[in-house]
Amino acid sequence: MDLWGYVRVSVDRVQQAAGWEDQIDTLRKVGCERFFYEEASTRKERPEFTRMLSEAGKLATPNRRICLVAAKMDRAFRDLAAADEAITRPANPDVIWLLPDLSQHPLDPKDPTQMLLVRMMGAVAQFERDRLAERRAYGIERAKKQGKYKGRKPTARAKIPEVLKLVERGFRPDEIAKQLEIGRASVFRILRDHRTESSATTGG
């Protein structure tokens, strides 16, 4: 059985480096040999996801089943209904799914007990995400009325001066990322860009 991994972040891999790397690590531990990478919201077009489904549908046979793996259900599917349809009614029955956050084994749509558990856990996860979004929206609206809303936290680019100061003090990239709550990839990008700019300025 082939294991194909799907990795997705809703913004980009630099700003969401931690989530990006965590997904890859999870999929590698599962044993994925091939990866599809996407930087897109589930509400937008996802060409890599579509390509993965198309290729799997063409290649999968009873003698070569293809298992598609996403670290979490919400990395692959818009909602529980989309997940249920993909798992229980695939275009090619030899294309199956594995979602490590719900089950450690490939999902068998013919197993009613397993599918009941998946639907229950998926429904709880979706309910929690919906409540979180509701609370966030309510909190933002209340903060706006009180004049306290300051928008989203500064991105990694806004923290360039802080990164450079910590480097001068001898902090390692991992420590800087943790202290400033940004991704390791962002720290390395800032340092690389700084070296490039410094080199251009000095003519080195």
C-alpha atoms as a PDB file:
ATOM      1  CA  MET A   1       0.000   0.000   0.000  1.00  0.00           C
ATOM      2  CA  ASP A   2       1.335   3.435  -0.991  1.00  0.00           C
ATOM      3  CA  LEU A   3       1.204   6.229   1.579  1.00  0.00           C
ATOM      4  CA  TRP A   4       0.859   9.780   0.241  1.00  0.00           C
ATOM      5  CA  GLY A   5       0.981  12.733   2.618  1.00  0.00           C
ATOM      6  CA  TYR A   6      -0.882  16.031   2.266  1.00  0.00           C
ATOM      7  CA  VAL A   7       0.534  19.093   4.034  1.00  0.00           C
ATOM      8  CA  ARG A   8      -1.417  22.368   4.144  1.00  0.00           C
ATOM      9  CA  VAL A   9      -1.245  25.724   5.886  1.00  0.00           C
ATOM     10  CA  SER A  10      -3.830  28.450   5.368  1.00  0.00           C
ATOM     11  CA  VAL A  11      -1.389  31.374   4.976  1.00  0.00           C
ATOM     12  CA  ASP A  12       2.181  30.397   4.035  1.00  0.00           C
ATOM     13  CA  ARG A  13       4.872  28.043   5.238  1.00  0.00           C
ATOM     14  CA  VAL A  14       7.057  30.894   6.556  1.00  0.00           C
ATOM     15  CA  GLN A  15       4.487  32.477   8.857  1.00  0.00           C
ATOM     16  CA  GLN A  16       3.169  29.064   9.906  1.00  0.00           C
ATOM     17  CA  ALA A  17       6.487  27.236  10.003  1.00  0.00           C
ATOM     18  CA  ALA A  18       5.751  25.366  13.231  1.00  0.00           C
ATOM     19  CA  GLY A  19       2.485  23.897  11.939  1.00  0.00           C
ATOM     20  CA  TRP A  20       4.078  23.123   8.585  1.00  0.00           C
ATOM     21  CA  GLU A  21       6.955  21.205  10.164  1.00  0.00           C
ATOM     22  CA  ASP A  22       4.712  19.412  12.661  1.00  0.00           C
ATOM     23  CA  GLN A  23       2.555  18.074   9.841  1.00  0.00           C
ATOM     24  CA  ILE A  24       5.561  16.844   7.884  1.00  0.00           C
ATOM     25  CA  ASP A  25       6.981  15.177  10.990  1.00  0.00           C
ATOM     26  CA  THR A  26       3.667  13.411  11.666  1.00  0.00           C
ATOM     27  CA  LEU A  27       3.406  12.157   8.082  1.00  0.00           C
ATOM     28  CA  ARG A  28       6.990  10.911   8.052  1.00  0.00           C
ATOM     29  CA  LYS A  29       6.399   8.950  11.237  1.00  0.00           C
ATOM     30  CA  VAL A  30       3.368   7.331   9.619  1.00  0.00           C
ATOM     31  CA  GLY A  31       5.584   6.272   6.710  1.00  0.00           C
ATOM     32  CA  CYS A  32       4.541   8.524   3.816  1.00  0.00           C
ATOM     33  CA  GLU A  33       6.783   8.183   0.767  1.00  0.00           C
ATOM     34  CA  ARG A  34       5.301  10.994  -1.308  1.00  0.00           C
ATOM     35  CA  PHE A  35       4.157  14.469  -0.304  1.00  0.00           C
ATOM     36  CA  PHE A  36       1.822  17.113  -1.686  1.00  0.00           C
ATOM     37  CA  TYR A  37       2.283  20.630  -0.309  1.00  0.00           C
ATOM     38  CA  GLU A  38      -0.307  23.402  -0.267  1.00  0.00           C
ATOM     39  CA  GLU A  39      -0.388  26.996   0.973  1.00  0.00           C
ATOM     40  CA  ALA A  40      -4.073  27.849   0.776  1.00  0.00           C
ATOM     41  CA  SER A  41      -7.211  28.195   2.864  1.00  0.00           C
ATOM     42  CA  THR A  42      -9.724  25.365   2.632  1.00  0.00           C
ATOM     43  CA  ARG A  43     -12.198  27.935   1.278  1.00  0.00           C
ATOM     44  CA  LYS A  44     -10.006  28.686  -1.734  1.00  0.00           C
ATOM     45  CA  GLU A  45      -8.894  26.588  -4.690  1.00  0.00           C
ATOM     46  CA  ARG A  46      -6.437  23.859  -3.711  1.00  0.00           C
ATOM     47  CA  PRO A  47      -4.750  22.620  -6.900  1.00  0.00           C
ATOM     48  CA  GLU A  48      -2.347  20.275  -5.110  1.00  0.00           C
ATOM     49  CA  PHE A  49      -5.177  18.588  -3.221  1.00  0.00           C
ATOM     50  CA  THR A  50      -7.079  18.160  -6.475  1.00  0.00           C
ATOM     51  CA  ARG A  51      -3.970  16.805  -8.212  1.00  0.00           C
ATOM     52  CA  MET A  52      -3.372  14.325  -5.412  1.00  0.00           C
ATOM     53  CA  LEU A  53      -6.931  12.994  -5.615  1.00  0.00           C
ATOM     54  CA  SER A  54      -6.757  12.776  -9.401  1.00  0.00           C
ATOM     55  CA  GLU A  55      -3.440  10.908  -9.486  1.00  0.00           C
ATOM     56  CA  ALA A  56      -4.470   8.550  -6.704  1.00  0.00           C
ATOM     57  CA  GLY A  57      -7.734   7.803  -8.471  1.00  0.00           C
ATOM     58  CA  LYS A  58      -5.905   6.903 -11.678  1.00  0.00           C
ATOM     59  CA  LEU A  59      -3.181   4.765 -10.072  1.00  0.00           C
ATOM     60  CA  ALA A  60      -4.964   2.921  -7.253  1.00  0.00           C
ATOM     61  CA  THR A  61      -5.954  -0.707  -7.899  1.00  0.00           C
ATOM     62  CA  PRO A  62      -6.913  -3.657  -5.670  1.00  0.00           C
ATOM     63  CA  ASN A  63      -3.270  -4.737  -5.844  1.00  0.00           C
ATOM     64  CA  ARG A  64      -1.942  -1.238  -5.202  1.00  0.00           C
ATOM     65  CA  ARG A  65      -4.138   0.633  -2.786  1.00  0.00           C
ATOM     66  CA  ILE A  66      -3.212   4.233  -2.117  1.00  0.00           C
ATOM     67  CA  CYS A  67      -3.669   5.671   1.355  1.00  0.00           C
ATOM     68  CA  LEU A  68      -3.906   9.455   1.548  1.00  0.00           C
ATOM     69  CA  VAL A  69      -2.729  10.873   4.853  1.00  0.00           C
ATOM     70  CA  ALA A  70      -3.350  14.279   6.452  1.00  0.00           C
ATOM     71  CA  ALA A  71      -2.021  15.032   9.937  1.00  0.00           C
ATOM     72  CA  LYS A  72      -5.445  16.332  10.988  1.00  0.00           C
ATOM     73  CA  MET A  73      -8.893  16.212   9.460  1.00  0.00           C
ATOM     74  CA  ASP A  74      -9.094  19.990   9.026  1.00  0.00           C
ATOM     75  CA  ARG A  75      -5.845  20.022   7.027  1.00  0.00           C
ATOM     76  CA  ALA A  76      -7.572  18.064   4.253  1.00  0.00           C
ATOM     77  CA  PHE A  77     -11.299  18.774   4.505  1.00  0.00           C
ATOM     78  CA  ARG A  78     -13.452  21.874   4.754  1.00  0.00           C
ATOM     79  CA  ASP A  79     -15.767  20.277   7.279  1.00  0.00           C
ATOM     80  CA  LEU A  80     -17.062  16.968   8.601  1.00  0.00           C
ATOM     81  CA  ALA A  81     -19.466  16.535   5.673  1.00  0.00           C
ATOM     82  CA  ALA A  82     -16.621  16.813   3.127  1.00  0.00           C
ATOM     83  CA  ALA A  83     -14.538  14.331   5.109  1.00  0.00           C
ATOM     84  CA  ASP A  84     -17.439  11.885   5.353  1.00  0.00           C
ATOM     85  CA  GLU A  85     -18.046  12.008   1.606  1.00  0.00           C
ATOM     86  CA  ALA A  86     -14.382  11.519   0.691  1.00  0.00           C
ATOM     87  CA  ILE A  87     -13.957   8.605   3.086  1.00  0.00           C
ATOM     88  CA  THR A  88     -17.226   6.765   2.532  1.00  0.00           C
ATOM     89  CA  ARG A  89     -17.871   7.555  -1.144  1.00  0.00           C
ATOM     90  CA  PRO A  90     -14.489   7.819  -2.911  1.00  0.00           C
ATOM     91  CA  ALA A  91     -14.413   7.931  -6.716  1.00  0.00           C
ATOM     92  CA  ASN A  92     -12.006   4.998  -6.563  1.00  0.00           C
ATOM     93  CA  PRO A  93     -12.640   2.521  -3.694  1.00  0.00           C
ATOM     94  CA  ASP A  94      -8.944   1.629  -3.638  1.00  0.00           C
ATOM     95  CA  VAL A  95      -8.114   5.141  -2.462  1.00  0.00           C
ATOM     96  CA  ILE A  96      -8.434   5.234   1.309  1.00  0.00           C
ATOM     97  CA  TRP A  97      -7.681   7.772   4.034  1.00  0.00           C
ATOM     98  CA  LEU A  98      -5.649   7.866   7.230  1.00  0.00           C
ATOM     99  CA  LEU A  99      -6.161  10.726   9.690  1.00  0.00           C
ATOM    100  CA  PRO A 100      -3.772  10.211  12.651  1.00  0.00           C
ATOM    101  CA  ASP A 101      -5.667  12.658  14.865  1.00  0.00           C
ATOM    102  CA  LEU A 102      -8.755  10.432  14.613  1.00  0.00           C
ATOM    103  CA  SER A 103      -7.349   6.933  14.145  1.00  0.00           C
ATOM    104  CA  GLN A 104      -3.946   5.247  13.975  1.00  0.00           C
ATOM    105  CA  HIS A 105      -5.186   2.930  11.232  1.00  0.00           C
ATOM    106  CA  PRO A 106      -6.467   3.545   7.678  1.00  0.00           C
ATOM    107  CA  LEU A 107     -10.167   4.265   7.722  1.00  0.00           C
ATOM    108  CA  ASP A 108     -12.443   1.485   6.513  1.00  0.00           C
ATOM    109  CA  PRO A 109     -15.758   2.959   5.308  1.00  0.00           C
ATOM    110  CA  LYS A 110     -17.338  -0.503   5.627  1.00  0.00           C
ATOM    111  CA  ASP A 111     -16.594  -0.701   9.344  1.00  0.00           C
ATOM    112  CA  PRO A 112     -19.631   0.956  11.049  1.00  0.00           C
ATOM    113  CA  THR A 113     -18.002   1.062  14.473  1.00  0.00           C
ATOM    114  CA  GLN A 114     -14.875   2.763  13.192  1.00  0.00           C
ATOM    115  CA  MET A 115     -16.823   5.239  11.088  1.00  0.00           C
ATOM    116  CA  LEU A 116     -19.127   6.075  14.015  1.00  0.00           C
ATOM    117  CA  LEU A 117     -16.067   6.868  16.130  1.00  0.00           C
ATOM    118  CA  VAL A 118     -14.545   8.968  13.363  1.00  0.00           C
ATOM    119  CA  ARG A 119     -17.769  10.937  12.892  1.00  0.00           C
ATOM    120  CA  MET A 120     -18.165  11.518  16.604  1.00  0.00           C
ATOM    121  CA  MET A 121     -14.580  12.695  17.050  1.00  0.00           C
ATOM    122  CA  GLY A 122     -14.784  14.776  13.896  1.00  0.00           C
ATOM    123  CA  ALA A 123     -18.040  16.383  15.033  1.00  0.00           C
ATOM    124  CA  VAL A 124     -16.513  17.286  18.405  1.00  0.00           C
ATOM    125  CA  ALA A 125     -13.424  18.760  16.714  1.00  0.00           C
ATOM    126  CA  GLN A 126     -15.578  20.798  14.332  1.00  0.00           C
ATOM    127  CA  PHE A 127     -17.794  21.988  17.195  1.00  0.00           C
ATOM    128  CA  GLU A 128     -14.716  23.159  19.110  1.00  0.00           C
ATOM    129  CA  ARG A 129     -13.380  25.035  16.069  1.00  0.00           C
ATOM    130  CA  ASP A 130     -16.766  26.687  15.495  1.00  0.00           C
ATOM    131  CA  ARG A 131     -17.012  27.752  19.144  1.00  0.00           C
ATOM    132  CA  LEU A 132     -13.452  29.110  19.051  1.00  0.00           C
ATOM    133  CA  ALA A 133     -14.236  31.152  15.941  1.00  0.00           C
ATOM    134  CA  GLU A 134     -17.437  32.415  17.583  1.00  0.00           C
ATOM    135  CA  ARG A 135     -15.628  33.457  20.759  1.00  0.00           C
ATOM    136  CA  ARG A 136     -12.863  35.122  18.731  1.00  0.00           C
ATOM    137  CA  ALA A 137     -15.388  37.117  16.702  1.00  0.00           C
ATOM    138  CA  TYR A 138     -17.264  38.122  19.851  1.00  0.00           C
ATOM    139  CA  GLY A 139     -14.048  39.158  21.584  1.00  0.00           C
ATOM    140  CA  ILE A 140     -12.929  41.262  18.623  1.00  0.00           C
ATOM    141  CA  GLU A 141     -16.298  42.985  18.388  1.00  0.00           C
ATOM    142  CA  ARG A 142     -16.295  43.780  22.103  1.00  0.00           C
ATOM    143  CA  ALA A 143     -12.699  45.049  21.955  1.00  0.00           C
ATOM    144  CA  LYS A 144     -13.589  47.299  19.014  1.00  0.00           C
ATOM    145  CA  LYS A 145     -16.488  48.844  20.945  1.00  0.00           C
ATOM    146  CA  GLN A 146     -14.143  49.499  23.877  1.00  0.00           C
ATOM    147  CA  GLY A 147     -11.452  50.920  21.591  1.00  0.00           C
ATOM    148  CA  LYS A 148      -9.000  48.205  22.614  1.00  0.00           C
ATOM    149  CA  TYR A 149      -8.775  46.230  19.401  1.00  0.00           C
ATOM    150  CA  LYS A 150      -5.256  46.399  17.975  1.00  0.00           C
ATOM    151  CA  GLY A 151      -5.614  43.887  15.177  1.00  0.00           C
ATOM    152  CA  ARG A 152      -3.512  40.807  14.637  1.00  0.00           C
ATOM    153  CA  LYS A 153      -0.154  40.338  16.305  1.00  0.00           C
ATOM    154  CA  PRO A 154       2.834  41.640  14.329  1.00  0.00           C
ATOM    155  CA  THR A 155       4.107  39.235  11.695  1.00  0.00           C
ATOM    156  CA  ALA A 156       7.655  37.932  11.705  1.00  0.00           C
ATOM    157  CA  ARG A 157       8.706  40.740   9.350  1.00  0.00           C
ATOM    158  CA  ALA A 158       7.609  43.303  11.930  1.00  0.00           C
ATOM    159  CA  LYS A 159       9.908  41.645  14.451  1.00  0.00           C
ATOM    160  CA  ILE A 160      13.104  41.926  12.377  1.00  0.00           C
ATOM    161  CA  PRO A 161      14.760  44.436  14.776  1.00  0.00           C
ATOM    162  CA  GLU A 162      14.059  42.148  17.742  1.00  0.00           C
ATOM    163  CA  VAL A 163      15.468  39.126  15.898  1.00  0.00           C
ATOM    164  CA  LEU A 164      18.691  40.966  15.034  1.00  0.00           C
ATOM    165  CA  LYS A 165      19.104  42.232  18.593  1.00  0.00           C
ATOM    166  CA  LEU A 166      18.751  38.716  19.999  1.00  0.00           C
ATOM    167  CA  VAL A 167      21.279  37.411  17.476  1.00  0.00           C
ATOM    168  CA  GLU A 168      23.755  40.061  18.628  1.00  0.00           C
ATOM    169  CA  ARG A 169      23.217  38.846  22.183  1.00  0.00           C
ATOM    170  CA  GLY A 170      24.134  35.321  21.164  1.00  0.00           C
ATOM    171  CA  PHE A 171      20.726  33.642  21.054  1.00  0.00           C
ATOM    172  CA  ARG A 172      20.305  30.635  18.740  1.00  0.00           C
ATOM    173  CA  PRO A 173      17.581  30.646  16.027  1.00  0.00           C
ATOM    174  CA  ASP A 174      15.501  28.082  17.945  1.00  0.00           C
ATOM    175  CA  GLU A 175      15.606  30.230  21.069  1.00  0.00           C
ATOM    176  CA  ILE A 176      14.720  33.371  19.118  1.00  0.00           C
ATOM    177  CA  ALA A 177      11.754  31.684  17.439  1.00  0.00           C
ATOM    178  CA  LYS A 178      10.398  30.509  20.783  1.00  0.00           C
ATOM    179  CA  GLN A 179      10.927  33.817  22.549  1.00  0.00           C
ATOM    180  CA  LEU A 180       9.326  35.918  19.801  1.00  0.00           C
ATOM    181  CA  GLU A 181       6.637  33.332  18.983  1.00  0.00           C
ATOM    182  CA  ILE A 182       7.523  33.089  15.309  1.00  0.00           C
ATOM    183  CA  GLY A 183       8.602  30.153  13.153  1.00  0.00           C
ATOM    184  CA  ARG A 184      12.199  28.950  12.880  1.00  0.00           C
ATOM    185  CA  ALA A 185      11.933  29.369   9.120  1.00  0.00           C
ATOM    186  CA  SER A 186      11.078  33.041   9.643  1.00  0.00           C
ATOM    187  CA  VAL A 187      14.166  33.546  11.800  1.00  0.00           C
ATOM    188  CA  PHE A 188      16.430  31.952   9.204  1.00  0.00           C
ATOM    189  CA  ARG A 189      14.821  34.017   6.429  1.00  0.00           C
ATOM    190  CA  ILE A 190      15.370  37.246   8.376  1.00  0.00           C
ATOM    191  CA  LEU A 191      19.020  36.354   9.010  1.00  0.00           C
ATOM    192  CA  ARG A 192      19.568  35.385   5.381  1.00  0.00           C
ATOM    193  CA  ASP A 193      18.013  38.621   4.111  1.00  0.00           C
ATOM    194  CA  HIS A 194      20.055  40.628   6.605  1.00  0.00           C
ATOM    195  CA  ARG A 195      23.303  39.004   5.443  1.00  0.00           C
ATOM    196  CA  THR A 196      22.360  39.680   1.815  1.00  0.00           C
ATOM    197  CA  GLU A 197      21.591  43.342   2.546  1.00  0.00           C
ATOM    198  CA  SER A 198      24.771  43.757   4.574  1.00  0.00           C
ATOM    199  CA  SER A 199      26.834  42.198   1.804  1.00  0.00           C
ATOM    200  CA  ALA A 200      25.301  44.502  -0.813  1.00  0.00           C
ATOM    201  CA  THR A 201      25.955  47.549   1.361  1.00  0.00           C
ATOM    202  CA  THR A 202      29.616  46.711   1.987  1.00  0.00           C
ATOM    203  CA  GLY A 203      30.146  45.480  -1.555  1.00  0.00           C
ATOM    204  CA  GLY A 204      31.298  42.129  -0.222  1.00  0.00           C
END
